[in-house]
Protein backbone atom coordinates (compact mmCIF):
# COMPACT_ATOMS: atom_id res chain seq x y z
CA MET A 1 -7.84 -26.09 -31.14
CA CYS A 2 -9.94 -24.96 -28.43
CA GLY A 3 -9.18 -21.39 -26.62
CA ARG A 4 -12.59 -20.34 -24.76
CA TYR A 5 -15.07 -22.22 -23.23
CA VAL A 6 -18.05 -21.81 -20.70
CA ILE A 7 -17.96 -23.25 -17.57
CA THR A 8 -21.46 -22.02 -14.81
CA ASN A 9 -21.52 -23.35 -10.76
CA ALA A 10 -19.18 -26.02 -11.46
CA VAL A 11 -19.29 -26.43 -7.57
CA THR A 12 -22.89 -27.64 -7.50
CA LYS A 13 -22.40 -29.87 -10.75
CA THR A 14 -19.12 -31.88 -9.53
CA ARG A 15 -21.04 -32.04 -6.21
CA ARG A 16 -21.52 -36.19 -6.03
CA MET A 17 -18.59 -36.35 -7.86
CA VAL A 18 -15.64 -35.40 -5.56
CA LYS A 19 -14.71 -35.43 -1.82
CA THR A 20 -13.85 -31.73 -1.56
CA ALA A 21 -13.87 -28.21 -3.31
CA ILE A 22 -10.58 -26.51 -2.66
CA ASN A 23 -11.11 -22.47 -2.57
CA LEU A 24 -13.91 -22.47 -4.93
CA GLU A 25 -17.27 -21.38 -4.68
CA ASP A 26 -20.32 -21.60 -7.22
CA SER A 27 -19.88 -19.14 -9.96
CA SER A 28 -20.75 -18.49 -13.75
CA ASN A 29 -18.10 -17.44 -16.35
CA TYR A 30 -19.49 -17.27 -19.97
CA ASN A 31 -16.19 -16.70 -21.94
CA ALA A 32 -13.44 -18.51 -20.29
CA TYR A 33 -10.08 -17.82 -21.54
CA PRO A 34 -6.70 -18.87 -21.72
CA TYR A 35 -4.48 -18.42 -18.31
CA GLN A 36 -7.16 -17.87 -16.17
CA ASP A 37 -7.73 -19.65 -12.77
CA LEU A 38 -10.45 -22.58 -14.00
CA PRO A 39 -12.13 -25.36 -12.22
CA VAL A 40 -10.93 -28.70 -12.90
CA ILE A 41 -11.04 -32.23 -11.13
CA LYS A 42 -7.85 -34.27 -10.01
CA LYS A 43 -7.35 -37.50 -8.72
CA TYR A 44 -5.52 -37.95 -5.16
CA THR A 45 -5.15 -41.59 -3.48
CA ASN A 46 -8.05 -40.74 -0.99
CA GLY A 47 -10.75 -39.24 -3.56
CA ASN A 48 -11.00 -36.24 -6.05
CA THR A 49 -10.94 -33.01 -5.37
CA LEU A 50 -12.38 -30.00 -7.68
CA GLU A 51 -9.93 -27.10 -7.39
CA LYS A 52 -8.93 -24.11 -9.73
CA LEU A 53 -5.38 -24.09 -12.14
CA LYS A 54 -4.14 -21.92 -14.53
CA TRP A 55 -5.34 -22.94 -18.19
CA GLY A 56 -1.87 -23.27 -20.19
CA ILE A 57 1.51 -24.93 -19.03
CA VAL A 58 4.67 -23.71 -19.45
CA PRO A 59 7.12 -26.59 -19.98
CA THR A 60 9.97 -26.77 -17.48
CA TRP A 61 12.75 -26.68 -19.90
CA ALA A 62 10.95 -23.43 -21.04
CA LYS A 63 12.33 -19.45 -20.60
CA LYS A 64 9.15 -18.50 -18.94
CA LYS A 65 9.46 -14.66 -19.38
CA GLU A 66 9.55 -15.64 -23.47
CA PHE A 67 7.54 -18.79 -23.68
CA LYS A 68 3.34 -18.54 -24.74
CA PRO A 69 1.75 -21.70 -22.31
CA LEU A 70 0.53 -24.47 -24.29
CA ILE A 71 -3.31 -24.21 -23.98
CA ASN A 72 -3.90 -27.41 -26.34
CA ALA A 73 -2.26 -30.84 -26.47
CA ARG A 74 -2.77 -33.33 -29.46
CA ILE A 75 -3.75 -36.75 -28.54
CA GLU A 76 -1.99 -38.19 -31.89
CA THR A 77 1.89 -36.84 -30.30
CA ILE A 78 0.73 -36.55 -26.48
CA ASN A 79 2.80 -39.71 -25.41
CA GLU A 80 5.92 -38.06 -28.00
CA LYS A 81 6.25 -34.56 -26.63
CA VAL A 82 8.68 -33.41 -24.58
CA SER A 83 6.50 -31.28 -22.50
CA PHE A 84 3.26 -34.04 -22.08
CA LYS A 85 4.64 -36.96 -22.20
CA HIS A 86 5.11 -37.61 -18.76
CA LEU A 87 2.04 -35.91 -17.53
CA ILE A 88 -0.25 -38.10 -19.51
CA LYS A 89 0.96 -40.80 -17.14
CA LYS A 90 1.06 -39.34 -13.80
CA ASN A 91 -1.06 -35.56 -14.12
CA LYS A 92 -4.00 -36.02 -15.60
CA CYS A 93 -7.64 -33.65 -14.96
CA ILE A 94 -10.75 -32.96 -15.99
CA VAL A 95 -11.68 -29.68 -16.96
CA ILE A 96 -15.34 -29.77 -16.60
CA ALA A 97 -17.55 -27.02 -19.04
CA ASP A 98 -21.23 -26.83 -19.82
CA GLY A 99 -19.91 -25.99 -23.78
CA PHE A 100 -17.34 -24.67 -26.26
CA TYR A 101 -16.63 -21.96 -28.71
CA GLU A 102 -14.99 -22.36 -31.91
CA TRP A 103 -15.18 -19.93 -34.58
CA LYS A 104 -16.02 -21.48 -38.84
CA ARG A 105 -13.45 -19.79 -41.21
CA SER A 106 -14.14 -18.40 -44.24
CA THR A 107 -12.59 -15.97 -46.97
CA ASN A 108 -12.76 -12.86 -45.19
CA ASN A 109 -14.48 -13.73 -42.01
CA LYS A 110 -14.91 -15.72 -38.66
CA THR A 111 -18.46 -16.71 -37.72
CA PRO A 112 -18.57 -18.06 -33.18
CA PHE A 113 -19.97 -20.75 -32.37
CA TYR A 114 -21.44 -22.85 -29.44
CA LEU A 115 -21.06 -26.28 -29.16
CA TYR A 116 -22.70 -28.32 -26.44
CA GLU A 117 -23.51 -31.81 -25.65
CA LYS A 118 -26.68 -33.04 -27.37
CA ASP A 119 -28.58 -33.80 -23.97
CA LYS A 120 -27.40 -30.44 -22.44
CA LYS A 121 -25.74 -32.86 -20.01
CA ASN A 122 -22.10 -31.29 -19.06
CA LEU A 123 -19.18 -31.52 -21.05
CA PHE A 124 -15.77 -33.49 -19.36
CA ILE A 125 -12.71 -32.84 -20.77
CA ALA A 126 -9.81 -34.55 -20.47
CA ALA A 127 -6.56 -32.59 -20.11
CA ILE A 128 -3.01 -32.96 -17.99
CA TYR A 129 -1.72 -30.47 -15.53
CA GLN A 130 1.90 -29.48 -14.48
CA ASN A 131 2.09 -27.80 -11.04
CA ASP A 132 -0.66 -25.36 -10.88
CA ARG A 133 -1.76 -25.10 -14.78
CA PHE A 134 -3.40 -27.31 -16.73
CA CYS A 135 -3.86 -28.10 -20.80
CA MET A 136 -6.91 -29.12 -22.45
CA ILE A 137 -6.19 -32.54 -24.48
CA THR A 138 -7.36 -32.41 -28.37
CA GLU A 139 -8.36 -34.56 -31.21
CA ASN A 140 -9.95 -34.64 -34.61
CA ALA A 141 -13.25 -33.56 -34.85
CA ASN A 142 -16.36 -35.74 -34.80
CA GLU A 143 -17.69 -35.70 -38.41
CA ASN A 144 -20.86 -33.72 -37.18
CA ILE A 145 -18.60 -30.72 -36.87
CA CYS A 146 -16.04 -30.96 -38.64
CA GLU A 147 -17.43 -28.38 -40.81
CA ILE A 148 -17.17 -25.77 -37.96
CA HIS A 149 -13.46 -26.65 -37.17
CA ASN A 150 -11.17 -29.67 -37.75
CA ARG A 151 -10.18 -30.20 -33.52
CA GLN A 152 -12.06 -30.49 -30.59
CA PRO A 153 -11.78 -31.33 -27.05
CA VAL A 154 -11.77 -34.74 -26.43
CA ILE A 155 -14.92 -35.04 -24.32
CA LEU A 156 -15.48 -38.21 -21.96
CA TYR A 157 -18.85 -39.64 -20.38
CA GLU A 158 -19.12 -38.86 -16.34
CA LYS A 159 -19.08 -42.74 -16.42
CA ASP A 160 -15.34 -42.51 -18.01
CA ILE A 161 -14.05 -39.94 -15.74
CA ASN A 162 -11.53 -42.43 -12.82
CA LYS A 163 -10.89 -44.53 -16.06
CA TYR A 164 -9.03 -41.77 -17.53
CA LEU A 165 -7.88 -40.12 -13.94
CA LYS A 166 -6.84 -43.37 -12.38
CA ILE A 167 -3.29 -42.55 -11.39
CA ASP A 168 -1.21 -45.42 -12.28
CA CYS A 169 -2.41 -46.22 -15.69
CA GLY A 170 -1.66 -44.12 -19.03
CA GLY A 171 -3.96 -41.48 -20.37
CA LYS A 172 -3.48 -42.35 -24.38
CA ASP A 173 -4.75 -45.60 -24.75
CA ILE A 174 -7.70 -45.62 -22.36
CA LEU A 175 -8.75 -42.22 -24.13
CA ASN A 176 -8.38 -43.96 -27.41
CA ASN A 177 -10.79 -46.68 -26.47
CA LEU A 178 -13.92 -44.51 -24.32
CA LYS A 179 -16.66 -43.77 -26.88
CA ARG A 180 -17.54 -40.11 -27.01
CA PRO A 181 -20.87 -37.75 -26.38
CA GLU A 182 -22.28 -36.78 -29.37
CA LEU A 183 -22.13 -32.43 -29.60
CA GLN A 184 -24.53 -30.31 -31.54
CA PHE A 185 -23.89 -26.74 -31.82
CA TYR A 186 -25.67 -23.39 -33.22
CA GLU A 187 -23.91 -19.49 -34.31
CA VAL A 188 -23.55 -17.16 -31.46
CA SER A 189 -23.04 -13.52 -31.68
CA LYS A 190 -18.97 -12.32 -32.23
CA GLN A 191 -19.77 -10.86 -28.69
CA VAL A 192 -17.51 -13.88 -27.74
CA ASN A 193 -14.83 -12.79 -29.57
CA ASN A 194 -14.06 -10.13 -27.12
CA PRO A 195 -12.24 -12.01 -23.42
CA ALA A 196 -14.15 -8.83 -21.71
CA ASN A 197 -17.93 -9.89 -22.28
CA ASN A 198 -18.67 -12.47 -20.37
CA ASN A 199 -22.73 -12.85 -19.94
CA SER A 200 -25.41 -15.17 -20.67
CA THR A 201 -26.23 -13.69 -24.12
CA LEU A 202 -22.71 -14.78 -25.05
CA ILE A 203 -24.90 -18.46 -25.67
CA GLN A 204 -27.95 -17.36 -26.91
CA SER A 205 -28.59 -18.94 -30.83
CA LEU A 206 -28.84 -16.55 -33.48
């Protein structure tokens, strides 16, 4: 799963990709975590926008006080799950990120790593949304990072964003046929474990 990521200067990074940024200014978030309002790209009939949605979907059938919002959706079952099968058809969005964190588990320890595109380009993560909330789509990890974790976000090349966002197209088949960027990683400080820590030192290599 993906539960933390980094996003800096989203407005500048998406300026040529969207028609407008709604109530957003450039900022730096080095420890984005679930239930925060975070920037995503959405498609409308008159163009793409950058806007903030809350990370974590609460299905319409759930009792909100008792239900923990869903932050990830598995691509393998997204067309079957009641919570997601309608959203992947019509409610697709893109989460923009610099990179994301994952934890490697050992017997008595969890070691954090920072994962990023090998050429240090932006990451464009396939997602779905419901009202003012979003959920990232995940898949089996690529060979080169499965030693860290067995899952990873579905990451697209920039050129493929609109293929996925196209309003009248089903999302799963498109995603399964698109190539993925290559990721690299390095170990980072356990300071990232605490969501209250949020500064550029979190992505420094150890």
